[in-house]
Amino acid sequence: MRNFTQPRSADHNSKYQHGFLDAFFSGLSCVVSVPFYTGFLPLLYWSGHGKLARQMTLLMAFCDYLGNCIKDVVSAPRPKSPPARILTATKDEKENALEYGLPSSHTLNTLCLSGYLLHYVISCHENADASHQVAGFTFVCLFVGLIGLGRIYLGMHSVIDILGGLVLGLTVLAFWLTVHEYIDNFVTLGQNVTSFWVALSFLLLFAYPTPESPTPSFEFHTAFTGVALGIVTGVQQTYHQFHHENVARVFTPGLPIPNFAGRILIGIPTILLVKFCSKALAKWILPITASALGIPVRSSGYVAALIGPLAVKKSNEVKQSGGYLQKMFFSRQEMFDVDTGIRLLQYAGLAWSVVDLVPSLFSQLNL
């Protein structure tokens, strides 16, 4: 399936270009992008809808890993430009354009998350009128359809990419609706959850396939794997304090709008500060730890001393002075990219602060 030719419909999207459609579909793509979810999910946790937020976070991580794995295994290119006109209005879209095309991540993520949200709302309002359920289902179908159409219009995907995202999304959503209660019970009330999730995160990092050409997909997967790790770790520790089903929810007397606004004003700067500090701490600790263990490492961009020739020099020094651990496990290995570990810890720290540190601040400030 590698390097197949894209359908001609994707190559001729420039015929239908229009300024309003450019702005509309570009904005719609931003609304369902990973940065949007990264900003939206903390608000969901702080609004009191902890179960929904947990499920959407873990589902997003699962979709991100599975979709990116398939992209890098298949290595199907995006529509060629020219003749296709690829419109990338944001930095995030420019990075997305460097990935392979099949399946469409935007379509996959939108279908799964909006479909799960619809399921959650319906399950919470079992006595709701059937017309409301039909309206909700129609809205989800229309929304997913517009996202898929927008990806074709922007030149980012072919029709086959969109269909692949739809089929994979329906499969993942059906699977998730079967297991989501078991997963949530394990995360909130299980035994040895943190150690299990740490091992799972490392397994997913090392089990990731190698694409024909380097893409940002592995970096995106690493970031959201870190988010899932931080969320699970934090929720496991503080479930009975901040995340059980009886916590106050927004738009109720227990959490009025002014208090929720206060949570946002306190929470957002705090998690951004934690993200910055986590990255700085990881950049300092991981190279020292790797050197002490005799593990040869390099850096793609985070640690200046481990980039290019300096990395090779340090790696040779490590090999010459390596201990038993290095000789046993790493003597025949290439250098590891320390940026992967830094990115994992950075986003794990960010997510942990969302569900542990920041709710503790809310408790102290009576928010």
Protein backbone atom coordinates (compact mmCIF):
# COMPACT_ATOMS: atom_id res chain seq x y z
CA MET A 1 0.00 0.00 0.00
CA ARG A 2 3.01 2.30 0.11
CA ASN A 3 3.28 5.36 -2.10
CA PHE A 4 0.07 4.79 -4.07
CA THR A 5 -1.31 7.52 -6.31
CA GLN A 6 -3.86 9.87 -4.78
CA PRO A 7 -7.31 10.25 -6.43
CA ARG A 8 -7.61 13.09 -8.92
CA SER A 9 -10.32 14.74 -6.82
CA ALA A 10 -7.69 15.71 -4.28
CA ASP A 11 -5.42 17.09 -7.01
CA HIS A 12 -8.01 19.54 -8.28
CA ASN A 13 -9.23 21.17 -5.09
CA SER A 14 -7.93 24.52 -6.33
CA LYS A 15 -10.86 24.67 -8.79
CA TYR A 16 -13.26 25.30 -5.91
CA GLN A 17 -11.23 27.70 -3.78
CA HIS A 18 -12.97 30.66 -2.19
CA GLY A 19 -11.85 33.10 0.50
CA PHE A 20 -14.76 32.32 2.81
CA LEU A 21 -14.27 28.57 2.45
CA ASP A 22 -10.54 28.97 3.10
CA ALA A 23 -11.26 30.71 6.40
CA PHE A 24 -14.15 28.40 7.35
CA PHE A 25 -12.37 25.10 6.81
CA SER A 26 -9.08 26.38 8.25
CA GLY A 27 -10.89 27.48 11.40
CA LEU A 28 -12.78 24.20 11.59
CA SER A 29 -9.50 22.25 11.39
CA CYS A 30 -8.10 24.29 14.29
CA VAL A 31 -11.16 23.52 16.41
CA VAL A 32 -10.52 19.78 16.16
CA SER A 33 -6.71 19.92 16.33
CA VAL A 34 -4.59 18.37 19.10
CA PRO A 35 -3.64 21.82 20.55
CA PHE A 36 -7.36 22.62 20.88
CA TYR A 37 -8.05 19.39 22.77
CA THR A 38 -4.99 20.02 24.93
CA GLY A 39 -6.54 23.33 25.97
CA PHE A 40 -10.13 22.11 26.14
CA LEU A 41 -9.65 18.97 28.22
CA PRO A 42 -8.32 20.77 31.35
CA LEU A 43 -11.49 22.89 31.39
CA LEU A 44 -13.53 19.69 31.28
CA TYR A 45 -11.70 18.33 34.32
CA TRP A 46 -12.12 21.57 36.25
CA SER A 47 -15.80 21.81 35.35
CA GLY A 48 -16.51 18.66 37.39
CA HIS A 49 -17.01 16.25 34.47
CA GLY A 50 -14.07 14.09 35.46
CA LYS A 51 -15.25 10.81 33.99
CA LEU A 52 -15.99 12.34 30.60
CA ALA A 53 -12.63 14.13 30.61
CA ARG A 54 -10.73 10.95 31.54
CA GLN A 55 -12.40 8.93 28.82
CA MET A 56 -11.86 11.57 26.14
CA THR A 57 -8.19 11.93 27.13
CA LEU A 58 -7.47 8.20 27.00
CA LEU A 59 -9.54 7.78 23.83
CA MET A 60 -7.61 10.63 22.23
CA ALA A 61 -4.31 9.00 23.21
CA PHE A 62 -5.47 5.67 21.77
CA CYS A 63 -6.62 7.26 18.51
CA ASP A 64 -3.41 9.25 18.23
CA TYR A 65 -1.22 6.17 18.71
CA LEU A 66 -3.21 3.88 16.42
CA GLY A 67 -3.72 6.46 13.68
CA ASN A 68 -0.08 7.52 13.61
CA CYS A 69 1.13 3.91 13.65
CA ILE A 70 -0.97 3.11 10.60
CA LYS A 71 0.21 6.28 8.86
CA ASP A 72 3.86 5.41 9.32
CA VAL A 73 3.39 1.74 8.44
CA VAL A 74 1.45 2.46 5.23
CA SER A 75 3.51 5.58 4.41
CA ALA A 76 0.91 6.83 1.92
CA PRO A 77 1.76 10.37 0.75
CA ARG A 78 -0.55 13.33 0.98
CA PRO A 79 -1.90 14.88 -2.25
CA LYS A 80 0.93 16.32 -4.37
CA SER A 81 1.28 20.10 -4.47
CA PRO A 82 1.07 21.19 -7.24
CA PRO A 83 -1.41 20.43 -8.75
CA ALA A 84 -3.23 20.28 -5.39
CA ARG A 85 -3.36 23.49 -3.38
CA ILE A 86 -2.39 22.74 0.23
CA LEU A 87 -3.55 25.46 2.61
CA THR A 88 -1.78 25.49 6.00
CA ALA A 89 -2.92 28.52 7.96
CA THR A 90 -1.26 27.66 11.29
CA LYS A 91 2.04 26.24 12.54
CA ASP A 92 0.17 23.14 13.70
CA GLU A 93 -1.20 22.56 10.20
CA LYS A 94 2.27 22.97 8.68
CA GLU A 95 3.54 20.24 11.01
CA ASN A 96 0.54 18.04 10.14
CA ALA A 97 1.39 18.42 6.46
CA LEU A 98 4.73 16.69 7.11
CA GLU A 99 2.97 13.49 8.18
CA TYR A 100 1.75 10.76 5.86
CA GLY A 101 -1.87 10.86 4.74
CA LEU A 102 -3.73 7.60 5.43
CA PRO A 103 -5.82 7.65 7.60
CA SER A 104 -7.00 11.21 8.24
CA SER A 105 -6.28 11.92 11.91
CA HIS A 106 -8.72 14.83 12.01
CA THR A 107 -11.53 12.60 10.75
CA LEU A 108 -10.59 9.73 13.08
CA ASN A 109 -10.32 11.93 16.19
CA THR A 110 -13.45 13.95 15.44
CA LEU A 111 -15.59 10.88 14.85
CA CYS A 112 -14.38 9.10 18.00
CA LEU A 113 -14.52 12.06 20.38
CA SER A 114 -17.79 13.56 19.15
CA GLY A 115 -19.33 10.09 19.00
CA TYR A 116 -18.26 9.33 22.55
CA LEU A 117 -19.51 12.73 23.74
CA LEU A 118 -22.91 11.98 22.18
CA HIS A 119 -22.97 8.58 23.92
CA TYR A 120 -22.09 10.22 27.24
CA VAL A 121 -24.82 12.86 26.95
CA ILE A 122 -27.46 10.30 25.95
CA SER A 123 -26.47 7.95 28.80
CA CYS A 124 -26.73 10.83 31.29
CA HIS A 125 -30.19 11.75 29.97
CA GLU A 126 -31.77 8.38 29.32
CA ASN A 127 -35.25 9.89 29.50
CA ALA A 128 -34.48 12.51 26.87
CA ASP A 129 -36.89 12.88 23.97
CA ALA A 130 -36.05 10.74 20.93
CA SER A 131 -36.04 13.84 18.75
CA HIS A 132 -33.16 15.25 20.83
CA GLN A 133 -31.17 12.06 20.31
CA VAL A 134 -31.81 12.18 16.57
CA ALA A 135 -30.78 15.84 16.51
CA GLY A 136 -27.56 15.01 18.37
CA PHE A 137 -26.75 12.15 16.01
CA THR A 138 -27.46 14.35 12.98
CA PHE A 139 -25.20 17.09 14.32
CA VAL A 140 -22.33 14.64 14.89
CA CYS A 141 -22.69 13.24 11.36
CA LEU A 142 -22.79 16.74 9.88
CA PHE A 143 -19.78 17.85 11.94
CA VAL A 144 -17.67 14.82 10.97
CA GLY A 145 -18.73 15.23 7.34
CA LEU A 146 -17.65 18.88 7.31
CA ILE A 147 -14.29 17.97 8.85
CA GLY A 148 -13.67 15.34 6.18
CA LEU A 149 -14.77 17.68 3.40
CA GLY A 150 -12.57 20.41 4.82
CA ARG A 151 -9.48 18.19 4.83
CA ILE A 152 -10.04 17.46 1.13
CA TYR A 153 -10.71 21.13 0.36
CA LEU A 154 -7.51 22.23 2.14
CA GLY A 155 -5.50 19.73 0.09
CA MET A 156 -4.39 17.80 3.18
CA HIS A 157 -6.10 14.49 2.33
CA SER A 158 -7.61 12.45 -0.48
CA VAL A 159 -11.03 10.82 -0.43
CA ILE A 160 -9.36 7.49 0.42
CA ASP A 161 -7.64 9.08 3.45
CA ILE A 162 -11.00 10.36 4.70
CA LEU A 163 -12.73 7.01 4.17
CA GLY A 164 -9.87 5.31 5.98
CA GLY A 165 -10.34 7.69 8.92
CA LEU A 166 -14.08 7.03 8.98
CA VAL A 167 -13.74 3.24 8.92
CA LEU A 168 -11.00 3.23 11.55
CA GLY A 169 -12.93 5.75 13.67
CA LEU A 170 -16.12 3.68 13.66
CA THR A 171 -14.11 0.58 14.59
CA VAL A 172 -12.27 2.31 17.43
CA LEU A 173 -15.45 3.93 18.77
CA ALA A 174 -17.31 0.62 18.79
CA PHE A 175 -14.40 -1.01 20.62
CA TRP A 176 -14.12 1.84 23.13
CA LEU A 177 -17.82 1.80 23.98
CA THR A 178 -17.36 -1.88 24.85
CA VAL A 179 -14.39 -1.43 27.20
CA HIS A 180 -14.59 2.15 28.51
CA GLU A 181 -16.24 1.26 31.83
CA TYR A 182 -13.61 -1.39 32.56
CA ILE A 183 -10.81 1.05 31.73
CA ASP A 184 -12.26 3.78 33.93
CA ASN A 185 -12.75 1.40 36.86
CA PHE A 186 -9.15 0.24 36.54
CA VAL A 187 -7.76 3.78 36.35
CA THR A 188 -9.75 5.07 39.31
CA LEU A 189 -9.91 2.06 41.62
CA GLY A 190 -7.40 -0.52 40.36
CA GLN A 191 -4.20 -1.80 41.94
CA ASN A 192 -0.67 -0.99 40.70
CA VAL A 193 -2.16 1.35 38.11
CA THR A 194 0.74 3.83 38.01
CA SER A 195 3.45 1.19 37.57
CA PHE A 196 1.37 -0.54 34.90
CA TRP A 197 0.84 2.70 32.97
CA VAL A 198 4.52 3.64 33.16
CA ALA A 199 5.43 0.24 31.69
CA LEU A 200 2.71 0.59 29.03
CA SER A 201 3.96 4.06 28.04
CA PHE A 202 7.52 2.82 27.53
CA LEU A 203 6.25 -0.20 25.62
CA LEU A 204 4.26 2.04 23.25
CA LEU A 205 7.31 4.24 22.66
CA PHE A 206 9.61 1.34 21.81
CA ALA A 207 6.97 -0.57 19.82
CA TYR A 208 6.30 2.34 17.46
CA PRO A 209 6.99 1.51 13.78
CA THR A 210 9.68 3.23 11.71
CA PRO A 211 8.31 5.10 8.64
CA GLU A 212 9.97 5.28 5.23
CA SER A 213 10.93 8.92 5.92
CA PRO A 214 11.01 10.81 9.25
CA THR A 215 7.70 12.49 10.19
CA PRO A 216 6.41 14.37 13.26
CA SER A 217 3.94 11.53 14.01
CA PHE A 218 6.17 9.92 16.64
CA GLU A 219 6.57 13.27 18.42
CA PHE A 220 2.79 13.76 18.51
CA HIS A 221 2.34 10.23 19.85
CA THR A 222 5.01 10.77 22.52
CA ALA A 223 3.36 13.98 23.72
CA PHE A 224 -0.09 12.44 24.10
CA THR A 225 1.33 9.28 25.65
CA GLY A 226 2.85 11.59 28.25
CA VAL A 227 -0.51 13.31 28.72
CA ALA A 228 -2.23 9.95 29.33
CA LEU A 229 0.50 8.93 31.80
CA GLY A 230 0.18 12.18 33.76
CA ILE A 231 -3.62 12.00 33.85
CA VAL A 232 -3.68 8.38 35.03
CA THR A 233 -1.01 9.01 37.66
CA GLY A 234 -2.77 12.11 39.00
CA VAL A 235 -6.28 10.66 39.00
CA GLN A 236 -5.09 7.47 40.70
CA GLN A 237 -3.71 9.55 43.58
CA THR A 238 -6.55 12.06 43.96
CA TYR A 239 -9.69 10.32 42.70
CA HIS A 240 -11.51 10.32 46.05
CA GLN A 241 -10.62 13.97 46.69
CA PHE A 242 -11.24 15.70 43.36
CA HIS A 243 -12.53 13.36 40.63
CA HIS A 244 -15.31 11.17 42.00
CA GLU A 245 -18.82 11.37 40.56
CA ASN A 246 -20.22 13.57 43.34
CA VAL A 247 -17.94 16.57 42.86
CA ALA A 248 -19.55 19.93 42.15
CA ARG A 249 -20.17 20.65 38.49
CA VAL A 250 -20.29 23.93 36.63
CA PHE A 251 -23.72 25.61 36.31
CA THR A 252 -24.75 24.15 39.69
CA PRO A 253 -24.84 25.92 43.09
CA GLY A 254 -21.69 24.04 44.09
CA LEU A 255 -19.68 25.55 41.22
CA PRO A 256 -21.09 28.90 40.04
CA ILE A 257 -19.74 30.65 36.97
CA PRO A 258 -17.50 33.14 38.90
CA ASN A 259 -15.75 30.24 40.68
CA PHE A 260 -15.26 28.37 37.42
CA ALA A 261 -13.81 31.52 35.83
CA GLY A 262 -11.47 31.77 38.81
CA ARG A 263 -10.38 28.19 38.23
CA ILE A 264 -9.50 29.01 34.63
CA LEU A 265 -7.55 32.15 35.59
CA ILE A 266 -5.55 30.21 38.20
CA GLY A 267 -5.30 26.89 36.39
CA ILE A 268 -4.11 27.82 32.90
CA PRO A 269 -1.01 29.81 33.98
CA THR A 270 -0.18 27.11 36.55
CA ILE A 271 -0.18 24.23 34.07
CA LEU A 272 1.84 26.27 31.57
CA LEU A 273 4.40 26.99 34.29
CA VAL A 274 4.54 23.30 35.21
CA LYS A 275 5.03 22.39 31.55
CA PHE A 276 7.98 24.80 31.30
CA CYS A 277 9.52 23.58 34.56
CA SER A 278 9.01 19.91 33.65
CA LYS A 279 10.83 20.41 30.38
CA ALA A 280 13.71 22.28 32.00
CA LEU A 281 14.04 19.65 34.73
CA ALA A 282 13.94 16.78 32.23
CA LYS A 283 16.58 18.47 30.03
CA TRP A 284 18.87 18.57 33.06
CA ILE A 285 18.15 15.18 34.63
CA LEU A 286 17.83 12.80 31.68
CA PRO A 287 21.27 13.39 30.08
CA ILE A 288 22.95 13.04 33.49
CA THR A 289 21.02 9.84 34.22
CA ALA A 290 21.82 8.38 30.80
CA SER A 291 25.50 9.16 31.25
CA ALA A 292 25.54 7.56 34.70
CA LEU A 293 23.92 4.39 33.32
CA GLY A 294 26.22 4.28 30.30
CA ILE A 295 23.39 4.79 27.80
CA PRO A 296 24.48 6.61 24.61
CA VAL A 297 22.10 9.47 23.82
CA ARG A 298 21.74 12.29 21.34
CA SER A 299 19.35 15.25 21.01
CA SER A 300 17.36 16.44 18.01
CA GLY A 301 17.12 19.96 19.34
CA TYR A 302 16.46 20.22 23.08
CA VAL A 303 19.99 19.75 24.49
CA ALA A 304 22.67 21.70 22.63
CA ALA A 305 25.54 19.61 24.03
CA LEU A 306 24.04 16.44 22.53
CA ILE A 307 23.41 17.68 18.98
CA GLY A 308 25.50 16.58 16.01
CA PRO A 309 29.26 15.96 16.44
CA LEU A 310 29.08 16.68 20.17
CA ALA A 311 26.64 13.81 20.59
CA VAL A 312 28.98 11.41 18.76
CA LYS A 313 31.92 12.49 20.93
CA LYS A 314 29.95 12.03 24.13
CA SER A 315 28.63 8.68 22.91
CA ASN A 316 32.19 7.43 22.32
CA GLU A 317 33.14 8.56 25.80
CA VAL A 318 30.16 6.68 27.24
CA LYS A 319 31.07 3.53 25.32
CA GLN A 320 34.65 3.66 26.57
CA SER A 321 33.62 4.14 30.20
CA GLY A 322 30.35 2.17 30.09
CA GLY A 323 29.49 -0.18 32.91
CA TYR A 324 27.84 -3.56 33.06
CA LEU A 325 24.35 -2.24 32.17
CA GLN A 326 25.66 -0.50 29.05
CA LYS A 327 27.58 -3.58 27.91
CA MET A 328 24.62 -5.87 28.48
CA PHE A 329 21.84 -3.86 26.81
CA PHE A 330 23.20 -0.95 24.80
CA SER A 331 26.56 -1.96 23.33
CA ARG A 332 25.02 -2.74 19.93
CA GLN A 333 22.33 -0.08 19.99
CA GLU A 334 22.25 3.26 18.22
CA MET A 335 22.12 6.39 20.32
CA PHE A 336 18.74 7.11 21.86
CA ASP A 337 17.11 10.48 21.25
CA VAL A 338 16.85 12.06 24.70
CA ASP A 339 14.24 14.48 23.32
CA THR A 340 11.71 11.64 23.41
CA GLY A 341 12.10 11.25 27.17
CA ILE A 342 12.07 15.01 27.68
CA ARG A 343 8.85 15.36 25.69
CA LEU A 344 7.24 12.47 27.57
CA LEU A 345 8.06 13.94 31.00
CA GLN A 346 7.12 17.46 29.91
CA TYR A 347 3.59 16.48 28.92
CA ALA A 348 3.22 14.03 31.79
CA GLY A 349 4.01 16.88 34.18
CA LEU A 350 1.53 19.15 32.41
CA ALA A 351 -1.25 16.55 32.62
CA TRP A 352 -0.45 15.64 36.25
CA SER A 353 -0.79 19.29 37.23
CA VAL A 354 -4.25 19.43 35.57
CA VAL A 355 -5.70 16.68 37.80
CA ASP A 356 -3.57 16.88 40.95
CA LEU A 357 -1.66 20.12 41.58
CA VAL A 358 -4.25 22.57 40.23
CA PRO A 359 -7.27 20.95 41.97
CA SER A 360 -5.26 21.13 45.20
CA LEU A 361 -4.86 24.87 44.61
CA PHE A 362 -8.59 25.17 43.98
CA SER A 363 -9.25 23.45 47.28
CA GLN A 364 -6.94 25.82 49.15
CA LEU A 365 -8.54 28.86 47.49
CA ASN A 366 -12.12 27.58 48.01
CA LEU A 367 -12.76 27.49 44.29
